[in-house]
């Protein structure tokens, strides 16, 4: 038996109004924006590291994966839709 959700099961689960509103607005953002933001956080982390601010560098450096995951989610919503 395949592990694919039936159309009937999908129709019972839909996005709430808040998620739909957020996805509507973030879908307007270009996907490149997330790459630039992640790259910027890496560069900022390096600058902080060379400035001797190790804790701040680590904190800012951890932003990159989060930003990339948000970009991936944004791309999936654009391609597949939220519902």
Protein backbone atom coordinates (compact mmCIF):
# COMPACT_ATOMS: atom_id res chain seq x y z
CA UNK A 1 0.00 0.00 0.00
CA UNK A 2 1.58 3.34 -1.03
CA UNK A 3 2.32 5.98 1.58
CA UNK A 4 0.64 8.79 -0.35
CA UNK A 5 -2.06 10.79 1.40
CA UNK A 6 -5.40 10.52 -0.29
CA UNK A 7 -7.14 13.57 -1.69
CA UNK A 8 -9.88 13.14 0.90
CA UNK A 9 -7.38 13.30 3.78
CA UNK A 10 -5.78 16.48 2.35
CA UNK A 11 -9.12 18.25 2.07
CA UNK A 12 -9.65 17.96 5.83
CA UNK A 13 -6.37 19.76 6.61
CA UNK A 14 -5.86 23.30 5.41
CA UNK A 15 -3.81 26.30 6.40
CA UNK A 16 -5.13 28.70 8.99
CA UNK A 17 -5.75 32.35 8.15
CA UNK A 18 -2.50 33.55 9.76
CA UNK A 19 -0.31 31.06 7.87
CA UNK A 20 -2.12 31.86 4.62
CA UNK A 21 -1.59 35.61 5.12
CA UNK A 22 2.12 35.16 5.91
CA UNK A 23 2.64 32.89 2.90
CA UNK A 24 0.83 35.35 0.66
CA UNK A 25 3.23 38.13 1.66
CA UNK A 26 6.45 36.08 1.71
CA UNK A 27 5.68 34.59 -1.72
CA UNK A 28 6.29 38.09 -3.09
CA UNK A 29 9.92 37.97 -1.92
CA UNK A 30 12.50 36.86 -4.49
CA UNK A 31 14.28 33.61 -3.62
CA UNK A 32 17.66 35.30 -4.09
CA UNK A 33 16.94 37.48 -1.08
CA UNK A 34 17.34 34.52 1.27
CA UNK A 35 20.69 33.58 -0.30
CA UNK A 36 21.96 37.15 0.04
CA UNK A 37 20.81 37.36 3.66
CA UNK A 38 22.49 34.05 4.53
CA UNK A 39 25.69 35.13 2.81
CA UNK A 40 25.53 38.46 4.63
CA UNK A 41 25.23 36.74 7.99
CA UNK A 42 28.29 34.62 7.18
CA UNK A 43 30.30 37.70 6.20
CA UNK A 44 29.11 39.56 9.30
CA UNK A 45 30.11 36.57 11.42
CA UNK A 46 33.61 36.60 9.91
CA UNK A 47 33.95 40.34 10.52
CA UNK A 48 32.89 39.89 14.15
CA UNK A 49 35.31 36.97 14.56
CA UNK A 50 38.24 39.01 13.25
CA UNK A 51 37.18 41.88 15.51
CA UNK A 52 37.58 39.55 18.51
CA UNK A 53 33.87 39.32 19.30
CA UNK A 54 33.68 35.52 19.32
CA UNK A 55 30.29 35.12 21.00
CA UNK A 56 28.62 37.63 18.69
CA UNK A 57 30.27 35.95 15.69
CA UNK A 58 28.87 32.57 16.70
CA UNK A 59 25.41 34.06 17.29
CA UNK A 60 25.29 35.78 13.89
CA UNK A 61 26.84 32.75 12.18
CA UNK A 62 23.95 30.61 13.34
CA UNK A 63 21.51 32.76 11.38
CA UNK A 64 22.62 31.39 7.99
CA UNK A 65 21.02 27.91 8.26
CA UNK A 66 17.79 29.39 9.60
CA UNK A 67 17.60 31.90 6.76
CA UNK A 68 18.28 29.17 4.19
CA UNK A 69 15.55 26.96 5.67
CA UNK A 70 13.11 29.89 5.51
CA UNK A 71 14.13 30.37 1.87
CA UNK A 72 13.52 26.69 1.17
CA UNK A 73 10.08 26.89 2.77
CA UNK A 74 9.33 30.01 0.73
CA UNK A 75 10.36 28.23 -2.47
CA UNK A 76 8.23 25.19 -1.68
CA UNK A 77 5.19 27.37 -1.03
CA UNK A 78 5.76 29.15 -4.34
CA UNK A 79 6.05 25.87 -6.26
CA UNK A 80 3.56 23.62 -4.52
CA UNK A 81 1.23 26.14 -2.92
CA UNK A 82 0.14 26.07 0.69
CA UNK A 83 -2.97 23.95 0.20
